[in-house]
Amino acid sequence: MGRKIFEATFAPDALAMGNINGKQFALPLISGSIGMVANKAVLDQAGVEAPTTVAEFKDALIAVRDNVPNSVPYTMATKNNGSILIDFMIWNWVHGGSIIDADGKVVVDSPESRAALQFMVDLLNERLAAPEIDRPDSRRLLAQGASAFYFDAPQTRTFLRDFSGQGEAFDVNVLPLKTPVLNEGDASTSVQWGHLLVQFAPGATATAEDPADKFLSYLTSDAVQTEFPLKMSALPVTNSARAAVADDAYLTAWAEATGASRANEVGIWSNAADMTTIIGEEVQGALLGQKSVDDAIAAMQARLTESMANATPAS
């Protein structure tokens, strides 16, 4: 397949997952994003609409806190470094910041990153989020009507069906949302998520007759794409398959809510595990009041810079 065929066949957000610096290294199998999910029943109980800006988001959290007893309005990840990374990275993007630039330079020490971390600290201090929350806790609380918002991949629908005890009947409460933006007109963002297919060819030359090529073609055919991703509450990756399953309101809403999906800034580097630990520790330090936001960001910059000294893009 050439570039034009790729672009005509695959949904742009799905194809982008396997594209690095303009070169296509992999094709998508299932796709989606890590984005915001809401419990519509909790929003109704609190008397609020789905927020589109950060200011509206915070107002909605306050309404949930004040009107839904014993709730955690936003089950922000506050434990497990891997989960904390996602929440911090998204809010950092929302505030205009970044952790690492395309050249591998650490750029987290910025006013934008400080604003993002301060935003998270304020949410915890104002009882709009809670300590000791990980992604599985978020799923359970949202499914039990004790939370209004959190970040997850589209597979969350399957978890929420199970944890609610209502099965598919709970689907009416699962509301994919665009991540709130700082200012009206900003592009909403999310983290790229999915599974990729890579074909290895002897001599670096693949042909349509190779068994691997035939298998790849089968996996991206409508026969597979209109069935396999749906079983995982994920999005098909081809335009034709997405059109064929357009009657799945949840997946259609998720696709619309994806916004300008971006690659995980940390996950693409060989030292991703070390950086995930550093970011999680420094964010936790600020959330727990052990460090000021300024000190946490400065320490994050210094520790990440040291970690990146010998890092290479993950292959």
Protein backbone atom coordinates (compact mmCIF):
# COMPACT_ATOMS: atom_id res chain seq x y z
CA MET A 1 0.00 0.00 0.00
CA GLY A 2 1.15 3.52 -0.73
CA ARG A 3 0.52 6.64 1.30
CA LYS A 4 -2.57 7.61 -0.73
CA ILE A 5 -4.13 4.18 -0.23
CA PHE A 6 -3.34 4.30 3.49
CA GLU A 7 -4.97 7.70 3.85
CA ALA A 8 -8.02 6.63 1.87
CA THR A 9 -8.43 3.38 3.80
CA PHE A 10 -7.72 4.24 7.43
CA ALA A 11 -9.25 6.82 9.74
CA PRO A 12 -6.69 9.63 10.22
CA ASP A 13 -6.57 9.35 14.02
CA ALA A 14 -5.99 5.58 13.78
CA LEU A 15 -3.31 5.82 11.08
CA ALA A 16 -1.46 8.49 13.07
CA MET A 17 -0.68 6.01 15.86
CA GLY A 18 1.83 4.18 13.67
CA ASN A 19 3.33 7.28 12.10
CA ILE A 20 6.60 8.61 13.50
CA ASN A 21 8.12 11.76 12.02
CA GLY A 22 6.12 11.35 8.83
CA LYS A 23 7.02 7.70 8.23
CA GLN A 24 4.46 4.90 8.61
CA PHE A 25 5.98 2.13 10.73
CA ALA A 26 2.78 0.28 11.65
CA LEU A 27 -0.88 -0.06 10.83
CA PRO A 28 -3.65 0.11 13.43
CA LEU A 29 -5.67 -2.93 14.56
CA ILE A 30 -7.99 -1.24 17.04
CA SER A 31 -8.08 2.42 17.94
CA GLY A 32 -9.46 5.03 20.24
CA SER A 33 -7.94 7.43 22.71
CA ILE A 34 -7.53 8.04 26.39
CA GLY A 35 -10.04 10.78 26.94
CA MET A 36 -12.66 12.04 29.33
CA VAL A 37 -15.65 9.92 30.35
CA ALA A 38 -18.64 11.13 32.34
CA ASN A 39 -21.55 9.49 34.16
CA LYS A 40 -24.60 11.22 32.68
CA ALA A 41 -26.81 10.20 35.61
CA VAL A 42 -24.46 11.92 38.05
CA LEU A 43 -24.38 15.07 35.91
CA ASP A 44 -28.19 15.08 35.88
CA GLN A 45 -28.29 14.61 39.65
CA ALA A 46 -25.95 17.57 40.08
CA GLY A 47 -27.93 19.66 37.60
CA VAL A 48 -25.06 20.34 35.20
CA GLU A 49 -24.40 20.00 31.49
CA ALA A 50 -21.31 18.45 29.93
CA PRO A 51 -18.50 21.04 30.28
CA THR A 52 -16.46 22.28 27.34
CA THR A 53 -13.97 24.59 29.09
CA VAL A 54 -11.79 24.14 32.16
CA ALA A 55 -13.82 26.80 33.99
CA GLU A 56 -17.06 24.96 33.21
CA PHE A 57 -15.43 21.70 34.24
CA LYS A 58 -14.52 23.07 37.65
CA ASP A 59 -18.02 24.52 38.10
CA ALA A 60 -19.46 21.10 37.28
CA LEU A 61 -17.18 19.45 39.85
CA ILE A 62 -18.32 21.87 42.52
CA ALA A 63 -21.96 21.12 41.68
CA VAL A 64 -21.31 17.38 41.98
CA ARG A 65 -19.48 17.83 45.28
CA ASP A 66 -22.33 19.89 46.71
CA ASN A 67 -25.26 17.89 45.33
CA VAL A 68 -24.15 14.25 45.15
CA PRO A 69 -23.45 12.95 48.69
CA ASN A 70 -20.28 10.97 49.33
CA SER A 71 -19.01 11.54 45.81
CA VAL A 72 -15.57 12.13 44.33
CA PRO A 73 -16.48 14.52 41.51
CA TYR A 74 -13.38 13.80 39.40
CA THR A 75 -11.55 10.58 40.14
CA MET A 76 -8.19 12.00 39.14
CA ALA A 77 -5.36 9.50 39.38
CA THR A 78 -3.50 10.25 42.60
CA LYS A 79 -1.66 6.96 43.04
CA ASN A 80 0.13 4.60 40.65
CA ASN A 81 2.73 6.51 38.69
CA GLY A 82 1.53 5.12 35.36
CA SER A 83 -1.97 6.48 35.93
CA ILE A 84 -0.77 9.81 37.35
CA LEU A 85 1.34 10.35 34.21
CA ILE A 86 -1.75 10.26 31.98
CA ASP A 87 -3.76 12.78 34.01
CA PHE A 88 -0.82 15.16 34.37
CA MET A 89 0.15 14.88 30.71
CA ILE A 90 -3.38 15.66 29.51
CA TRP A 91 -3.85 18.64 31.82
CA ASN A 92 -0.39 19.85 30.87
CA TRP A 93 -1.40 19.81 27.20
CA VAL A 94 -4.67 21.56 28.04
CA HIS A 95 -2.71 24.37 29.72
CA GLY A 96 -0.34 24.66 26.75
CA GLY A 97 2.59 22.81 28.28
CA SER A 98 4.65 19.79 27.29
CA ILE A 99 6.98 17.36 29.04
CA ILE A 100 9.47 16.48 26.31
CA ASP A 101 9.73 18.03 22.87
CA ALA A 102 10.16 16.16 19.59
CA ASP A 103 13.95 16.38 19.88
CA GLY A 104 14.03 14.75 23.28
CA LYS A 105 14.60 17.94 25.24
CA VAL A 106 12.85 18.17 28.61
CA VAL A 107 10.66 21.28 28.62
CA VAL A 108 8.40 20.67 31.62
CA ASP A 109 9.84 23.61 33.60
CA SER A 110 7.43 26.19 32.19
CA PRO A 111 4.64 28.49 33.39
CA GLU A 112 2.15 26.26 31.54
CA SER A 113 3.25 23.09 33.35
CA ARG A 114 3.19 24.90 36.68
CA ALA A 115 -0.36 26.05 35.95
CA ALA A 116 -1.41 22.48 35.09
CA LEU A 117 0.04 21.04 38.30
CA GLN A 118 -1.44 23.87 40.38
CA PHE A 119 -4.82 23.11 38.81
CA MET A 120 -4.54 19.49 39.94
CA VAL A 121 -3.42 20.48 43.44
CA ASP A 122 -6.34 22.90 43.77
CA LEU A 123 -8.81 20.18 42.78
CA LEU A 124 -7.54 17.93 45.54
CA ASN A 125 -7.50 20.73 48.12
CA GLU A 126 -11.07 21.72 47.26
CA ARG A 127 -12.37 18.14 47.59
CA LEU A 128 -13.10 17.92 43.88
CA ALA A 129 -10.69 14.98 43.66
CA ALA A 130 -9.40 12.55 46.28
CA PRO A 131 -6.15 10.89 47.37
CA GLU A 132 -5.38 7.21 46.82
CA ILE A 133 -7.25 6.90 43.52
CA ASP A 134 -6.05 4.67 40.68
CA ARG A 135 -7.75 3.87 37.35
CA PRO A 136 -9.59 0.77 38.68
CA ASP A 137 -10.94 2.90 41.57
CA SER A 138 -12.12 5.49 39.04
CA ARG A 139 -14.03 2.87 37.10
CA ARG A 140 -15.74 1.47 40.17
CA LEU A 141 -16.73 4.86 41.55
CA LEU A 142 -18.11 6.09 38.23
CA ALA A 143 -20.03 2.83 37.75
CA GLN A 144 -21.52 3.14 41.23
CA GLY A 145 -22.72 6.73 40.70
CA ALA A 146 -20.14 8.15 43.09
CA SER A 147 -18.07 10.01 40.49
CA ALA A 148 -18.82 12.21 37.50
CA PHE A 149 -15.59 12.29 35.45
CA TYR A 150 -12.32 10.49 34.79
CA PHE A 151 -9.90 9.64 31.97
CA ASP A 152 -9.87 6.23 30.31
CA ALA A 153 -9.76 4.37 26.99
CA PRO A 154 -13.00 3.33 25.20
CA GLN A 155 -12.81 -0.11 26.80
CA THR A 156 -14.13 1.61 29.89
CA ARG A 157 -17.67 0.78 28.72
CA THR A 158 -16.97 -2.90 29.34
CA PHE A 159 -15.58 -2.19 32.83
CA LEU A 160 -18.49 0.06 33.71
CA ARG A 161 -21.04 -2.53 32.62
CA ASP A 162 -19.42 -5.04 34.97
CA PHE A 163 -18.83 -2.76 37.95
CA SER A 164 -22.32 -1.27 37.81
CA GLY A 165 -23.94 -4.68 37.95
CA GLN A 166 -26.34 -3.48 35.25
CA GLY A 167 -24.61 -4.83 32.17
CA GLU A 168 -25.58 -3.14 28.91
CA ALA A 169 -28.39 -1.27 30.67
CA PHE A 170 -25.72 1.01 32.16
CA ASP A 171 -24.61 2.19 28.70
CA VAL A 172 -27.05 5.13 28.76
CA ASN A 173 -24.97 6.67 31.56
CA VAL A 174 -21.58 6.39 29.82
CA LEU A 175 -20.84 9.70 28.14
CA PRO A 176 -17.60 10.24 26.17
CA LEU A 177 -16.59 13.90 26.28
CA LYS A 178 -14.05 16.11 24.61
CA THR A 179 -11.38 17.04 27.11
CA PRO A 180 -12.24 20.55 28.36
CA VAL A 181 -10.15 23.32 26.83
CA LEU A 182 -8.55 26.26 28.58
CA ASN A 183 -10.02 28.85 26.21
CA GLU A 184 -12.93 28.77 23.78
CA GLY A 185 -11.60 27.86 20.36
CA ASP A 186 -8.68 25.75 21.64
CA ALA A 187 -8.39 22.26 20.14
CA SER A 188 -9.45 19.54 22.56
CA THR A 189 -6.83 16.86 23.15
CA SER A 190 -6.49 13.22 24.19
CA VAL A 191 -3.82 10.51 24.28
CA GLN A 192 -3.48 8.12 21.36
CA TRP A 193 -4.54 4.59 22.30
CA GLY A 194 -4.87 1.33 20.43
CA HIS A 195 -3.08 -1.74 19.11
CA LEU A 196 -0.73 -1.75 16.14
CA LEU A 197 0.26 -4.23 13.45
CA VAL A 198 3.84 -4.46 12.20
CA GLN A 199 4.96 -6.58 9.26
CA PHE A 200 8.52 -7.89 9.15
CA ALA A 201 9.83 -8.89 5.74
CA PRO A 202 13.05 -10.81 4.88
CA GLY A 203 15.33 -8.50 2.97
CA ALA A 204 13.15 -5.54 3.96
CA THR A 205 10.89 -6.15 0.97
CA ALA A 206 7.28 -7.24 1.41
CA THR A 207 4.89 -8.37 -1.29
CA ALA A 208 1.15 -8.82 -1.37
CA GLU A 209 1.69 -12.58 -1.64
CA ASP A 210 3.57 -12.86 1.64
CA PRO A 211 1.55 -14.73 4.31
CA ALA A 212 2.16 -11.85 6.75
CA ASP A 213 0.78 -9.36 4.24
CA LYS A 214 -2.31 -11.48 3.64
CA PHE A 215 -2.89 -11.80 7.39
CA LEU A 216 -2.51 -8.04 7.84
CA SER A 217 -5.01 -7.45 5.04
CA TYR A 218 -7.43 -9.85 6.71
CA LEU A 219 -7.14 -8.13 10.10
CA THR A 220 -7.93 -4.76 8.56
CA SER A 221 -10.80 -6.06 6.41
CA ASP A 222 -14.40 -5.09 7.09
CA ALA A 223 -15.14 -8.67 8.15
CA VAL A 224 -12.79 -8.30 11.12
CA GLN A 225 -13.05 -4.56 11.73
CA THR A 226 -16.84 -4.60 12.10
CA GLU A 227 -16.62 -7.29 14.78
CA PHE A 228 -13.33 -7.60 16.72
CA PRO A 229 -12.88 -3.96 17.88
CA LEU A 230 -16.52 -3.75 18.97
CA LYS A 231 -16.09 -6.75 21.26
CA MET A 232 -13.38 -4.75 23.01
CA SER A 233 -15.41 -1.50 23.06
CA ALA A 234 -12.80 -0.04 20.73
CA LEU A 235 -13.06 1.82 17.44
CA PRO A 236 -12.55 0.15 14.06
CA VAL A 237 -9.57 1.57 12.23
CA THR A 238 -10.84 1.81 8.64
CA ASN A 239 -13.21 4.39 7.24
CA SER A 240 -15.48 1.74 5.76
CA ALA A 241 -15.76 -0.21 9.02
CA ARG A 242 -16.49 2.94 11.01
CA ALA A 243 -19.26 3.78 8.57
CA ALA A 244 -20.63 0.25 8.88
CA VAL A 245 -20.87 0.46 12.69
CA ALA A 246 -22.12 4.06 12.80
CA ASP A 247 -25.25 2.88 14.62
CA ASP A 248 -23.14 2.23 17.73
CA ALA A 249 -23.83 5.55 19.41
CA TYR A 250 -21.13 5.08 22.03
CA LEU A 251 -18.28 4.49 19.59
CA THR A 252 -19.51 7.27 17.33
CA ALA A 253 -19.54 9.64 20.31
CA TRP A 254 -16.06 8.49 21.29
CA ALA A 255 -14.70 9.17 17.81
CA GLU A 256 -16.23 12.66 17.88
CA ALA A 257 -14.79 13.33 21.34
CA THR A 258 -11.22 12.28 20.45
CA GLY A 259 -10.15 15.77 19.38
CA ALA A 260 -6.51 16.34 18.47
CA SER A 261 -5.14 13.06 19.80
CA ARG A 262 -1.43 13.09 20.63
CA ALA A 263 1.20 10.41 21.20
CA ASN A 264 2.28 9.70 24.77
CA GLU A 265 5.29 11.99 25.15
CA VAL A 266 6.97 9.63 27.61
CA GLY A 267 6.01 6.21 26.26
CA ILE A 268 7.98 6.60 23.02
CA TRP A 269 11.38 6.70 24.81
CA SER A 270 13.59 3.84 25.97
CA ASN A 271 13.62 5.20 29.54
CA ALA A 272 9.83 5.54 29.72
CA ALA A 273 9.55 3.51 32.93
CA ASP A 274 12.07 5.72 34.74
CA MET A 275 10.41 8.92 33.54
CA THR A 276 6.98 7.64 34.52
CA THR A 277 8.27 7.09 38.05
CA ILE A 278 9.85 10.55 38.21
CA ILE A 279 6.72 12.34 37.02
CA GLY A 280 4.46 10.32 39.31
CA GLU A 281 6.63 11.00 42.36
CA GLU A 282 6.89 14.73 41.76
CA VAL A 283 3.18 15.15 41.02
CA GLN A 284 2.32 13.17 44.15
CA GLY A 285 4.72 15.31 46.17
CA ALA A 286 2.80 18.42 45.13
CA LEU A 287 -0.63 16.83 45.55
CA LEU A 288 0.18 15.71 49.08
CA GLY A 289 1.64 19.08 50.07
CA GLN A 290 5.12 17.69 50.54
CA LYS A 291 6.48 20.10 47.93
CA SER A 292 5.40 23.36 46.42
CA VAL A 293 4.31 23.27 42.78
CA ASP A 294 7.43 25.27 41.84
CA ASP A 295 9.75 22.84 43.63
CA ALA A 296 8.01 19.79 42.16
CA ILE A 297 8.26 21.10 38.59
CA ALA A 298 11.90 22.16 39.06
CA ALA A 299 12.78 18.74 40.46
CA MET A 300 10.88 17.05 37.64
CA GLN A 301 12.85 19.04 35.06
CA ALA A 302 16.20 18.18 36.65
CA ARG A 303 15.45 14.48 37.16
CA LEU A 304 13.96 14.01 33.69
CA THR A 305 16.90 15.79 32.07
CA GLU A 306 19.29 13.39 33.80
CA SER A 307 17.17 10.43 32.79
CA MET A 308 17.07 11.54 29.16
CA ALA A 309 20.87 11.82 28.91
CA ASN A 310 21.23 8.39 27.30
CA ALA A 311 17.66 7.80 26.13
CA THR A 312 16.73 6.73 22.60
CA PRO A 313 13.36 6.51 20.87
CA ALA A 314 11.77 3.16 21.70
CA SER A 315 11.82 0.75 18.78
